[in-house]
Each structure stands twice: as structure tokens, then as C-alpha cells.
Amino acid sequence: MVFSSFVRLKLLLFLFMGVMSISAVAQQQSGGLQRVEIIWADSFKIGEKFNRLLGNVELQHNNIIMTCDSAYQFPENKFEAYGNVHLINGSTTVRGDTMMLDGNINLAKVRGRIVYLNDSTTTLRTTAIDYDTKDEIGFFQNEGTIADSTSLLESKQGYYYSKLKDFVFIGNVESETENYILISDSMKYNIHTKIFDFYSYTHIWSNNSYLYCDKGWYDSENEKMFFLKNSYLMSDKQEVWADSIYYECFSKQGQLYRNIQLLDTSQRTIAFGDFSDFNLQSEDFELTKDPSILFYSENPEEDTLYMRAEWLRSVMSPRSEEFYITDSITGEVDSTFREIFGIKKVRVFRSDVQAACDSLYFNTLDSIWKMYYEPVIWNGEKMQLTGDTIKFFVLNGKVERGEFQDNAMIVMPEEDTTSRYYNQISGKKMISYFRDNELNYLDVLGNVQSYFFSSSDQAIS
């Protein structure tokens, strides 16, 4: 008798599941809602308001498998599942204590003390996940923590797109990798490519640098970054602003795009441009689009010097030990100096001196300016100096002397301001000596020629 009842129960369950499966296929083919299918249960109890499924319960909806210890089936395509709840969608698995499934709106609500969402090597931990069984999208809003082999991430709420393998995080997003800490308002993370996409303000810290942007991406597997909006980068001695920054963490090299500013506080320089290659570790950079550079002083009495060219390159070089500089306040030792190279259409401007040449070299160690190929220097409206090669020696922001090699020439207006004539001196080599940035005296050597004009009321001796 017991055996006969057991057979009738199994037969009834088999016929019920068969009818439900046929109904589900028919509705799917006709474009209607797909019903939840009962694949298996150890026992099935039919009630007036709900049916009870007990033991190894297995359901299916939209090709997604759901298992649990027990479940209640309600009219209108709804289920409640309890105990060891698993939702399986290919490589994606959601685990919890309970699940409310509404087949009409394709929504499974998984709840528990800890609810897990696993896909490959990535695990999300939270307390509640709503999973769309049709579009295969999971949603959490009670804060969640995500961990994989390379990173740990926390967020207030977020989505997981199973088809794309993308997590999208919203609100108070914090992530930690082996080399960086990231904080953002919204972020996307792909579990296969290990790429973070930023959609709002984002801060990134490493051991010796800080980065900020309003939009961009970070490839955590290959350690590459690209910041697209309001980008900022800071190291121990440099600060960088640009519309966009591309940076490779391993090589410390990158590119800057549009509205660039490179500030070096140790060398007191600010460079500008619209494209640059740079190295954060060596502090070298190269500007090739609309480049310019400022040399400023902390002394308010010293004027800022402005320089531009078609191509600017700056490299940091080591000082000899006898040229080390120790900061009197911090005690830090500066063992490097900066070298500046300017190529094509070089222009230099300061309130008391202007210059032009085809190429220029300058370094902060001995403060020597070297100008090549048709160099010209103007000391305001007072004089013009030329030569095939020009060297200027600067100390504490003031010109000490200048050396003009080959075809040296100086042109000065007459003392009579109403005169249209200019006095001229030329020679093979010329050395000019300055005091307070004013020409004090001049030595002209080799093939000296001079032209001086005097007014008619002046005596000539």
C-alpha cells in the first residue's frame, strides 16, 4: 500500500512537470511569458493556496537553473525557495538562504546572511541580490565586496552583467590592487580583462604618486592607465595637469594631451604644451606641440623668464658630489639638475631681455644659456647683440656676462633719442659684462670694426 502511494505520487509529479513543460514551451513559442519549470523534487505536496516541494528541488526559468532544499509554488508563476539556494547561469552562480522568484517579471530575489555571486575567479559578497533571469543582470544595493586574484573592491550598490562579465559600481567605490588604491563615485570592472572604467571623479594612490581624473580607465593586469578628463598626476617633485593622460606603471612612461602643465618645484620650472612624452621616474619630458616653459624664482624681485620653441626637451641629470645642494629647511639633498633643449624658432622673453635663435641649450647647474644658428639678443630697446654662437652666464637670476663667438656684433641707438642712427661694433669675438642686467663694459677681439654717429654740435676727438 505504501509502495502504491509512492508510485502514484511520482506519477502525479511526473505528469504535472510534463504539463508545465509543455505549457512553458507553448508560451515561449507564442511570445508570452516563460513559466517557471519544475525539473525535480523528492516530494510534491498539492495544497489549496500553494504547492510544497521538498528535497533536492530544481527549477528552471529562462534557461537558468535554480536549486534549493524546499520551495513553495504559488499561482501566477511565483515561487519561494528556502535552504541552500543556488541560481546557476552558465559560469555565474548566486548562493543564498532564500529566494523569491516571480516568473512574470523575470526576477529572482536572493537573500541571506551572506549572499554570494561567483563568476570564474571573482566573488561578490553582500546580503541581497536581485537577479533578472531574462537579461541575466544581478543587482545589489546593501553594499558589497568583490574579490578576485588581483583586486579587492567595495561599493554601496552595483550591477553585474553576466553576458558581458561586467560589474558596474555606484556610490562610494573603493578598490585595492597590489600597487594602487582607487576611490571613485562610479566604476565598471570587467572580470576577464581586469580593466576598470571610471565615469566620475576618481582618485588613485600608489607608493609615490597620486592621480585624479573625471573619466578614464585602468588596466590592472597590464598596469596601464588612461585618464580622459580633468587629469592630474603628482609625484614627489612634479605635478602634471592635462586634458588626458596615458601612463604605463611598469615603465613610468606616458603621454599628455592638450592643455598640459608640468610643474617641477625643485627646479622651479613650469612647462606648457598640447602633447608631451614624459617619464615620471626620471622626470624627463618632451613637448612637441605648441610647447613653452617658464623659469620662475621664489624671490619676488626676480622676474620670470619665458621660453618657447617648436620642440622642447627636458632631462634630469646627476650632479657631481661637489655640486650637491642641501635644503636649509627640510635637509633634503638635491643631487640632480635639469637640462633644457629647444629646437626651431626658439623665443625667449623677460622684461629686461629678449632673444631669438634656431636652437638653444640651458641647464640649472651652471645657468649657462647656449644659443645656436642666427641667435639675436635684445636688451629692451637699448641694444641688439648677435653672433654665430652666443653664451649667457646667469647667477641668481641676473645676467653676469655674455660671450659672442664669430661674427659678433652689437648695435645701440645714439644717446640722442631724436636720432635715427645706431652705433655699431663688430668683431670675431665679443665678451659683454653686465651689472644689474645692464651692460657695464664690452671686450671686442679680432677684426674689430666700429661705426659711431655724432651730432653736428658734438666735438670729435
Protein backbone atom coordinates (compact mmCIF):
# COMPACT_ATOMS: atom_id res chain seq x y z
CA MET A 1 0.00 0.00 0.00
CA VAL A 2 2.85 2.35 0.86
CA PHE A 3 4.66 1.41 -2.33
CA SER A 4 1.49 2.05 -4.37
CA SER A 5 1.08 5.53 -2.80
CA PHE A 6 4.71 6.36 -3.55
CA VAL A 7 4.29 5.31 -7.21
CA ARG A 8 1.12 7.40 -7.54
CA LEU A 9 2.95 10.42 -6.08
CA LYS A 10 5.86 10.04 -8.50
CA LEU A 11 3.48 9.56 -11.42
CA LEU A 12 1.46 12.62 -10.41
CA LEU A 13 4.63 14.71 -10.11
CA PHE A 14 5.90 13.45 -13.48
CA LEU A 15 2.61 14.27 -15.21
CA PHE A 16 2.47 17.70 -13.52
CA MET A 17 6.01 18.60 -14.59
CA GLY A 18 5.30 17.35 -18.11
CA VAL A 19 2.20 19.52 -18.41
CA MET A 20 4.12 22.52 -17.03
CA SER A 21 6.98 21.95 -19.50
CA ILE A 22 4.61 21.70 -22.49
CA SER A 23 2.83 24.85 -21.31
CA ALA A 24 6.15 26.70 -20.94
CA VAL A 25 7.31 25.73 -24.45
CA ALA A 26 3.97 26.73 -25.94
CA GLN A 27 4.03 30.11 -24.23
CA GLN A 28 7.66 30.72 -25.25
CA GLN A 29 6.87 29.90 -28.88
CA SER A 30 3.83 32.16 -28.85
CA GLY A 31 5.88 35.06 -27.48
CA GLY A 32 4.28 35.04 -23.99
CA LEU A 33 5.92 34.90 -20.60
CA GLN A 34 8.05 31.86 -19.92
CA ARG A 35 6.76 29.88 -16.97
CA VAL A 36 8.97 28.51 -14.23
CA GLU A 37 9.57 24.80 -14.84
CA ILE A 38 9.82 22.24 -12.05
CA ILE A 39 12.67 19.94 -13.05
CA TRP A 40 12.80 17.80 -9.91
CA ALA A 41 11.75 17.45 -6.26
CA ASP A 42 11.96 14.43 -3.99
CA SER A 43 8.36 15.02 -2.92
CA PHE A 44 5.50 17.24 -4.06
CA LYS A 45 2.51 18.22 -1.95
CA ILE A 46 -0.51 19.89 -3.53
CA GLY A 47 -2.39 22.45 -1.44
CA GLU A 48 -5.32 24.81 -1.88
CA LYS A 49 -3.28 28.05 -1.89
CA PHE A 50 0.19 26.73 -2.72
CA ASN A 51 2.07 23.55 -3.55
CA ARG A 52 5.03 22.31 -1.49
CA LEU A 53 8.25 20.91 -3.00
CA LEU A 54 10.66 19.10 -0.68
CA GLY A 55 14.16 17.68 -1.14
CA ASN A 56 16.64 18.39 -3.96
CA VAL A 57 14.32 20.90 -5.58
CA GLU A 58 15.37 22.01 -9.05
CA LEU A 59 13.62 24.74 -11.06
CA GLN A 60 14.34 26.34 -14.42
CA HIS A 61 13.41 29.74 -15.80
CA ASN A 62 14.74 31.38 -18.97
CA ASN A 63 17.39 28.62 -19.18
CA ILE A 64 18.61 29.43 -15.66
CA ILE A 65 18.73 26.57 -13.14
CA MET A 66 17.71 27.13 -9.50
CA THR A 67 18.15 24.58 -6.72
CA CYS A 68 17.19 24.57 -3.04
CA ASP A 69 16.15 22.29 -0.14
CA SER A 70 12.45 23.20 -0.32
CA ALA A 71 10.12 25.54 -2.19
CA TYR A 72 6.56 26.81 -2.31
CA GLN A 73 4.77 27.16 -5.63
CA PHE A 74 2.14 29.88 -5.82
CA PRO A 75 -0.32 30.72 -8.58
CA GLU A 76 0.65 33.28 -11.19
CA ASN A 77 4.11 31.78 -11.85
CA LYS A 78 5.68 32.57 -8.46
CA PHE A 79 7.94 30.53 -6.15
CA GLU A 80 9.58 30.87 -2.75
CA ALA A 81 12.75 28.81 -2.16
CA TYR A 82 14.48 28.02 1.18
CA GLY A 83 17.75 26.42 2.23
CA ASN A 84 20.96 26.16 0.17
CA VAL A 85 19.55 28.30 -2.61
CA HIS A 86 21.62 28.26 -5.81
CA LEU A 87 20.93 30.17 -9.01
CA ILE A 88 23.10 28.84 -11.86
CA ASN A 89 23.54 30.73 -15.12
CA GLY A 90 26.48 29.25 -17.02
CA SER A 91 29.63 30.31 -15.17
CA THR A 92 27.62 32.66 -12.94
CA THR A 93 26.31 31.31 -9.63
CA VAL A 94 24.29 33.10 -6.95
CA ARG A 95 24.06 31.50 -3.49
CA GLY A 96 21.89 32.45 -0.55
CA ASP A 97 19.45 31.28 2.12
CA THR A 98 16.14 32.25 0.47
CA MET A 99 14.82 33.24 -2.94
CA MET A 100 11.58 34.86 -4.10
CA LEU A 101 11.04 34.14 -7.80
CA ASP A 102 8.47 35.95 -9.92
CA GLY A 103 8.45 34.44 -13.39
CA ASN A 104 6.13 37.14 -14.72
CA ILE A 105 8.72 39.88 -14.29
CA ASN A 106 11.79 37.59 -14.66
CA LEU A 107 13.07 38.49 -11.20
CA ALA A 108 14.72 36.28 -8.56
CA LYS A 109 15.37 37.93 -5.17
CA VAL A 110 18.10 36.04 -3.31
CA ARG A 111 18.57 36.86 0.39
CA GLY A 112 20.74 35.59 3.22
CA ARG A 113 23.18 36.41 6.00
CA ILE A 114 25.76 36.45 3.20
CA VAL A 115 24.75 36.19 -0.45
CA TYR A 116 27.46 35.20 -2.94
CA LEU A 117 27.71 35.86 -6.65
CA ASN A 118 30.53 33.88 -8.29
CA ASP A 119 31.81 34.05 -11.84
CA SER A 120 35.13 32.41 -12.71
CA THR A 121 37.61 33.62 -10.06
CA THR A 122 35.57 36.67 -8.98
CA THR A 123 33.27 36.64 -5.95
CA LEU A 124 30.75 39.26 -4.81
CA ARG A 125 29.65 39.17 -1.16
CA THR A 126 26.56 41.06 0.01
CA THR A 127 23.25 40.41 1.80
CA ALA A 128 20.76 40.70 -1.07
CA ILE A 129 20.92 40.22 -4.85
CA ASP A 130 18.09 40.75 -7.32
CA TYR A 131 18.73 38.75 -10.49
CA ASP A 132 16.99 39.33 -13.82
CA THR A 133 16.63 35.83 -15.28
CA LYS A 134 15.90 37.10 -18.79
CA ASP A 135 18.60 39.75 -19.26
CA GLU A 136 21.00 37.96 -16.88
CA ILE A 137 21.72 41.02 -14.73
CA GLY A 138 22.30 40.95 -10.98
CA PHE A 139 21.75 43.97 -8.73
CA PHE A 140 22.78 44.68 -5.12
CA GLN A 141 22.16 47.79 -3.00
CA ASN A 142 23.13 46.81 0.55
CA GLU A 143 26.86 47.34 -0.01
CA GLY A 144 29.03 44.64 -1.48
CA THR A 145 32.62 43.41 -1.53
CA ILE A 146 34.23 41.91 -4.63
CA ALA A 147 37.46 39.93 -4.62
CA ASP A 148 39.50 38.18 -7.29
CA SER A 149 43.14 37.24 -7.79
CA THR A 150 44.30 40.83 -8.41
CA SER A 151 41.99 43.23 -6.59
CA LEU A 152 39.58 43.86 -3.72
CA LEU A 153 36.66 46.24 -4.25
CA GLU A 154 33.83 47.67 -2.12
CA SER A 155 30.77 49.58 -3.29
CA LYS A 156 27.48 50.89 -1.93
CA GLN A 157 25.48 49.33 -4.77
CA GLY A 158 26.03 47.89 -8.21
CA TYR A 159 25.10 45.63 -11.10
CA TYR A 160 26.60 42.52 -12.65
CA TYR A 161 26.03 41.86 -16.37
CA SER A 162 26.62 38.13 -16.79
CA LYS A 163 26.71 38.21 -20.59
CA LEU A 164 29.37 40.96 -20.68
CA LYS A 165 31.20 39.90 -17.49
CA ASP A 166 30.96 43.50 -16.29
CA PHE A 167 30.45 44.77 -12.77
CA VAL A 168 29.12 48.34 -12.56
CA PHE A 169 29.52 50.02 -9.17
CA ILE A 170 27.68 53.12 -7.96
CA GLY A 171 28.40 55.13 -4.84
CA ASN A 172 31.44 55.14 -2.53
CA VAL A 173 33.50 52.78 -4.68
CA GLU A 174 36.86 51.73 -3.19
CA SER A 175 39.29 49.29 -4.77
CA GLU A 176 42.71 48.00 -3.79
CA THR A 177 45.20 46.21 -6.02
CA GLU A 178 48.76 45.13 -5.33
CA ASN A 179 50.11 48.54 -6.37
CA TYR A 180 47.22 51.02 -6.12
CA ILE A 181 44.27 52.22 -4.05
CA LEU A 182 41.31 53.62 -6.04
CA ILE A 183 38.34 55.66 -4.83
CA SER A 184 35.55 56.69 -7.19
CA ASP A 185 31.86 57.56 -7.33
CA SER A 186 31.09 55.16 -10.18
CA MET A 187 33.13 52.49 -11.90
CA LYS A 188 32.92 49.48 -14.23
CA TYR A 189 35.12 46.39 -13.87
CA ASN A 190 35.43 43.52 -16.35
CA ILE A 191 36.39 40.26 -14.66
CA HIS A 192 38.15 38.88 -17.78
CA THR A 193 40.15 41.89 -18.96
CA LYS A 194 40.72 43.21 -15.37
CA ILE A 195 40.03 46.73 -16.71
CA PHE A 196 38.42 49.42 -14.54
CA ASP A 197 36.41 52.14 -16.34
CA PHE A 198 35.79 55.40 -14.44
CA TYR A 199 32.69 57.52 -15.09
CA SER A 200 33.03 60.12 -12.34
CA TYR A 201 35.67 61.63 -10.05
CA THR A 202 38.40 59.08 -9.36
CA HIS A 203 41.41 59.19 -7.02
CA ILE A 204 44.32 56.74 -7.33
CA TRP A 205 47.20 56.43 -4.85
CA SER A 206 50.43 54.46 -5.14
CA ASN A 207 53.60 54.43 -3.05
CA ASN A 208 54.99 57.67 -4.50
CA SER A 209 52.33 59.15 -6.77
CA TYR A 210 48.73 60.38 -6.81
CA LEU A 211 46.40 60.57 -9.82
CA TYR A 212 42.98 62.11 -10.39
CA CYS A 213 40.51 62.23 -13.26
CA ASP A 214 36.79 62.64 -14.00
CA LYS A 215 36.79 59.86 -16.61
CA GLY A 216 39.18 57.14 -17.76
CA TRP A 217 40.29 53.53 -17.40
CA TYR A 218 42.88 51.42 -15.58
CA ASP A 219 44.17 48.06 -16.86
CA SER A 220 45.13 46.36 -13.59
CA GLU A 221 46.59 43.29 -15.30
CA ASN A 222 48.97 45.20 -17.61
CA GLU A 223 49.32 48.21 -15.25
CA LYS A 224 48.27 50.84 -17.79
CA MET A 225 46.05 53.92 -17.28
CA PHE A 226 44.31 56.44 -19.50
CA PHE A 227 42.60 59.48 -17.98
CA LEU A 228 40.30 61.42 -20.30
CA LYS A 229 39.01 64.46 -18.39
CA ASN A 230 40.47 66.93 -15.87
CA SER A 231 43.52 64.72 -15.43
CA TYR A 232 46.09 65.37 -12.71
CA LEU A 233 49.23 63.49 -11.64
CA MET A 234 51.57 64.23 -8.75
CA SER A 235 54.90 62.68 -7.73
CA ASP A 236 57.47 63.69 -5.12
CA LYS A 237 58.80 66.63 -7.15
CA GLN A 238 56.44 67.04 -10.10
CA GLU A 239 52.83 67.94 -10.71
CA VAL A 240 51.14 67.37 -14.07
CA TRP A 241 47.85 68.72 -15.42
CA ALA A 242 46.34 67.80 -18.82
CA ASP A 243 43.03 67.09 -20.51
CA SER A 244 44.17 63.47 -20.95
CA ILE A 245 46.99 61.36 -19.50
CA TYR A 246 48.18 57.94 -20.68
CA TYR A 247 50.51 56.23 -18.21
CA GLU A 248 52.30 52.85 -18.05
CA CYS A 249 53.03 51.95 -14.44
CA PHE A 250 55.87 49.48 -15.07
CA SER A 251 57.98 51.79 -17.25
CA LYS A 252 56.79 55.01 -15.53
CA GLN A 253 56.34 56.49 -19.02
CA GLY A 254 53.33 58.13 -20.60
CA GLN A 255 51.85 60.78 -22.86
CA LEU A 256 49.99 64.00 -22.12
CA TYR A 257 47.34 65.55 -24.38
CA ARG A 258 46.06 69.14 -24.60
CA ASN A 259 46.30 71.97 -22.06
CA ILE A 260 49.42 70.50 -20.46
CA GLN A 261 51.14 71.95 -17.41
CA LEU A 262 54.25 70.30 -15.93
CA LEU A 263 55.40 71.84 -12.64
CA ASP A 264 58.82 70.98 -11.20
CA THR A 265 59.10 72.70 -7.83
CA SER A 266 62.67 71.50 -7.20
CA GLN A 267 63.93 73.14 -10.43
CA ARG A 268 61.34 75.96 -10.38
CA THR A 269 60.07 75.34 -13.92
CA ILE A 270 56.58 75.14 -15.45
CA ALA A 271 56.20 73.66 -18.94
CA PHE A 272 53.15 74.04 -21.20
CA GLY A 273 52.00 72.39 -24.43
CA ASP A 274 49.40 70.23 -26.15
CA PHE A 275 51.36 66.97 -26.49
CA SER A 276 54.16 65.50 -24.40
CA ASP A 277 56.03 62.28 -23.76
CA PHE A 278 57.16 62.01 -20.15
CA ASN A 279 58.85 59.72 -17.64
CA LEU A 280 57.64 60.11 -14.07
CA GLN A 281 60.60 58.31 -12.53
CA SER A 282 63.40 60.15 -14.33
CA GLU A 283 61.33 63.38 -14.52
CA ASP A 284 62.22 63.75 -18.23
CA PHE A 285 59.69 65.16 -20.70
CA GLU A 286 59.43 66.19 -24.33
CA LEU A 287 56.93 68.71 -25.70
CA THR A 288 56.26 68.66 -29.45
CA LYS A 289 53.03 70.63 -29.92
CA ASP A 290 52.88 74.35 -29.06
CA PRO A 291 55.48 73.97 -26.27
CA SER A 292 56.73 76.63 -23.86
CA ILE A 293 58.40 76.77 -20.46
CA LEU A 294 58.66 79.25 -17.59
CA PHE A 295 61.61 79.65 -15.24
CA TYR A 296 60.41 81.29 -12.03
CA SER A 297 62.03 82.36 -8.79
CA GLU A 298 60.79 82.37 -5.23
CA ASN A 299 62.42 85.78 -4.90
CA PRO A 300 59.72 88.36 -5.83
CA GLU A 301 62.41 90.75 -7.08
CA GLU A 302 63.50 88.32 -9.81
CA ASP A 303 61.47 88.34 -13.00
CA THR A 304 60.06 85.19 -14.63
CA LEU A 305 61.71 84.09 -17.88
CA TYR A 306 59.51 82.69 -20.66
CA MET A 307 60.75 80.42 -23.47
CA ARG A 308 59.05 78.72 -26.40
CA ALA A 309 60.07 76.67 -29.44
CA GLU A 310 58.62 74.17 -31.90
CA TRP A 311 60.20 71.32 -29.91
CA LEU A 312 61.26 71.29 -26.24
CA ARG A 313 63.04 68.51 -24.37
CA SER A 314 63.95 68.43 -20.69
CA VAL A 315 66.04 65.76 -18.94
CA MET A 316 67.25 65.37 -15.37
CA SER A 317 70.98 64.64 -14.99
CA PRO A 318 73.06 63.76 -11.91
CA ARG A 319 75.22 66.42 -10.25
CA SER A 320 78.81 65.82 -9.23
CA GLU A 321 79.01 65.45 -5.47
CA GLU A 322 80.67 68.85 -5.04
CA PHE A 323 77.57 70.45 -6.62
CA TYR A 324 75.01 68.82 -4.29
CA ILE A 325 72.51 71.30 -2.82
CA THR A 326 71.02 70.81 0.66
CA ASP A 327 67.69 72.39 1.53
CA SER A 328 68.21 74.53 4.63
CA ILE A 329 64.69 73.78 5.91
CA THR A 330 63.99 70.14 5.04
CA GLY A 331 67.59 68.92 4.89
CA GLU A 332 66.89 67.13 1.59
CA VAL A 333 69.82 66.86 -0.81
CA ASP A 334 69.29 67.81 -4.47
CA SER A 335 71.71 65.65 -6.47
CA THR A 336 70.29 66.38 -9.94
CA PHE A 337 69.96 69.27 -12.35
CA ARG A 338 67.67 69.91 -15.30
CA GLU A 339 68.80 70.30 -18.92
CA ILE A 340 66.58 72.10 -21.45
CA PHE A 341 66.83 71.75 -25.24
CA GLY A 342 64.86 73.99 -27.63
CA ILE A 343 64.76 73.35 -31.39
CA LYS A 344 63.45 75.61 -34.18
CA LYS A 345 62.01 79.10 -33.80
CA VAL A 346 63.23 79.49 -30.24
CA ARG A 347 61.99 82.64 -28.49
CA VAL A 348 63.00 83.87 -25.01
CA PHE A 349 61.35 86.73 -23.17
CA ARG A 350 61.88 88.54 -19.90
CA SER A 351 61.05 92.15 -19.10
CA ASP A 352 64.71 93.23 -19.49
CA VAL A 353 65.91 90.81 -22.19
CA GLN A 354 64.52 89.07 -25.29
CA ALA A 355 66.18 86.54 -27.59
CA ALA A 356 65.62 84.50 -30.74
CA CYS A 357 67.56 81.64 -32.34
CA ASP A 358 67.13 78.31 -34.11
CA SER A 359 68.26 76.11 -31.20
CA LEU A 360 69.07 76.62 -27.53
CA TYR A 361 70.56 74.70 -24.59
CA PHE A 362 70.23 75.55 -20.91
CA ASN A 363 70.87 73.79 -17.60
CA THR A 364 70.14 74.69 -13.98
CA LEU A 365 73.57 73.55 -12.76
CA ASP A 366 75.73 76.37 -14.12
CA SER A 367 72.88 78.51 -15.55
CA ILE A 368 74.55 78.85 -18.95
CA TRP A 369 72.35 79.65 -21.93
CA LYS A 370 73.81 78.50 -25.26
CA MET A 371 72.20 79.75 -28.47
CA TYR A 372 72.96 78.50 -31.98
CA TYR A 373 72.16 79.41 -35.61
CA GLU A 374 71.49 83.11 -36.12
CA PRO A 375 70.96 83.98 -32.46
CA VAL A 376 69.85 87.51 -31.57
CA ILE A 377 69.53 89.15 -28.15
CA TRP A 378 67.76 92.41 -27.35
CA ASN A 379 68.26 94.26 -24.11
CA GLY A 380 64.92 96.04 -24.26
CA GLU A 381 65.20 98.93 -26.73
CA LYS A 382 68.76 99.70 -25.67
CA MET A 383 70.78 97.32 -27.80
CA GLN A 384 70.89 94.30 -30.12
CA LEU A 385 73.62 91.64 -29.87
CA THR A 386 74.34 88.93 -32.44
CA GLY A 387 76.88 86.22 -33.23
CA ASP A 388 77.08 82.77 -34.79
CA THR A 389 77.05 81.28 -31.26
CA ILE A 390 76.05 83.04 -28.03
CA LYS A 391 76.59 82.00 -24.41
CA PHE A 392 74.98 83.79 -21.49
CA PHE A 393 76.03 83.22 -17.88
CA VAL A 394 73.29 83.84 -15.29
CA LEU A 395 73.73 83.99 -11.50
CA ASN A 396 70.81 84.37 -9.07
CA GLY A 397 68.51 85.41 -11.88
CA LYS A 398 70.82 88.13 -13.19
CA VAL A 399 72.96 88.12 -16.35
CA GLU A 400 76.66 88.28 -15.44
CA ARG A 401 78.29 88.13 -18.85
CA GLY A 402 77.76 87.08 -22.45
CA GLU A 403 80.14 85.54 -24.97
CA PHE A 404 79.59 86.02 -28.71
CA GLN A 405 81.64 83.76 -30.97
CA ASP A 406 82.26 84.55 -34.67
CA ASN A 407 80.62 87.46 -36.47
CA ALA A 408 79.89 89.14 -33.13
CA MET A 409 78.11 92.45 -33.30
CA ILE A 410 76.40 94.96 -31.03
CA VAL A 411 74.04 97.67 -32.22
CA MET A 412 72.99 100.55 -29.92
CA PRO A 413 70.94 103.67 -30.54
CA GLU A 414 72.58 107.05 -30.15
CA GLU A 415 72.19 108.82 -26.86
CA ASP A 416 70.24 111.46 -28.74
CA THR A 417 66.74 109.98 -28.70
CA THR A 418 65.73 112.06 -31.72
CA SER A 419 68.40 110.42 -33.87
CA ARG A 420 67.56 107.73 -36.39
CA TYR A 421 71.08 106.28 -36.37
CA TYR A 422 72.61 103.37 -34.46
CA ASN A 423 76.16 102.90 -33.26
CA GLN A 424 77.69 99.54 -34.19
CA ILE A 425 80.68 97.47 -33.10
CA SER A 426 81.66 94.11 -34.64
CA GLY A 427 84.49 91.64 -34.24
CA LYS A 428 85.40 87.99 -34.36
CA LYS A 429 84.65 87.53 -30.64
CA MET A 430 82.91 89.71 -28.12
CA ILE A 431 82.54 89.47 -24.32
CA SER A 432 79.95 91.63 -22.57
CA TYR A 433 79.86 92.22 -18.82
CA PHE A 434 76.65 93.20 -17.01
CA ARG A 435 75.76 94.82 -13.72
CA ASP A 436 72.15 94.59 -12.54
CA ASN A 437 71.23 93.27 -16.01
CA GLU A 438 72.66 96.43 -17.62
CA LEU A 439 75.69 96.37 -19.93
CA ASN A 440 78.69 97.61 -17.92
CA TYR A 441 81.55 97.21 -20.41
CA LEU A 442 82.48 95.29 -23.52
CA ASP A 443 85.56 93.49 -24.88
CA VAL A 444 85.76 93.01 -28.67
CA LEU A 445 88.55 90.80 -30.03
CA GLY A 446 89.74 90.24 -33.60
CA ASN A 447 88.82 92.16 -36.78
CA VAL A 448 87.22 94.93 -34.77
CA GLN A 449 85.11 97.44 -36.68
CA SER A 450 83.03 100.25 -35.26
CA TYR A 451 80.57 102.80 -36.61
CA PHE A 452 79.60 105.73 -34.42
CA PHE A 453 77.43 108.70 -35.30
CA SER A 454 77.75 112.07 -33.65
CA SER A 455 75.58 115.15 -33.92
CA SER A 456 76.96 118.31 -35.50
CA ASP A 457 77.33 120.15 -32.20
CA GLN A 458 79.50 117.41 -30.68
CA ALA A 459 83.29 117.64 -30.79
CA ILE A 460 85.15 114.78 -32.33
CA SER A 461 88.41 113.75 -30.74
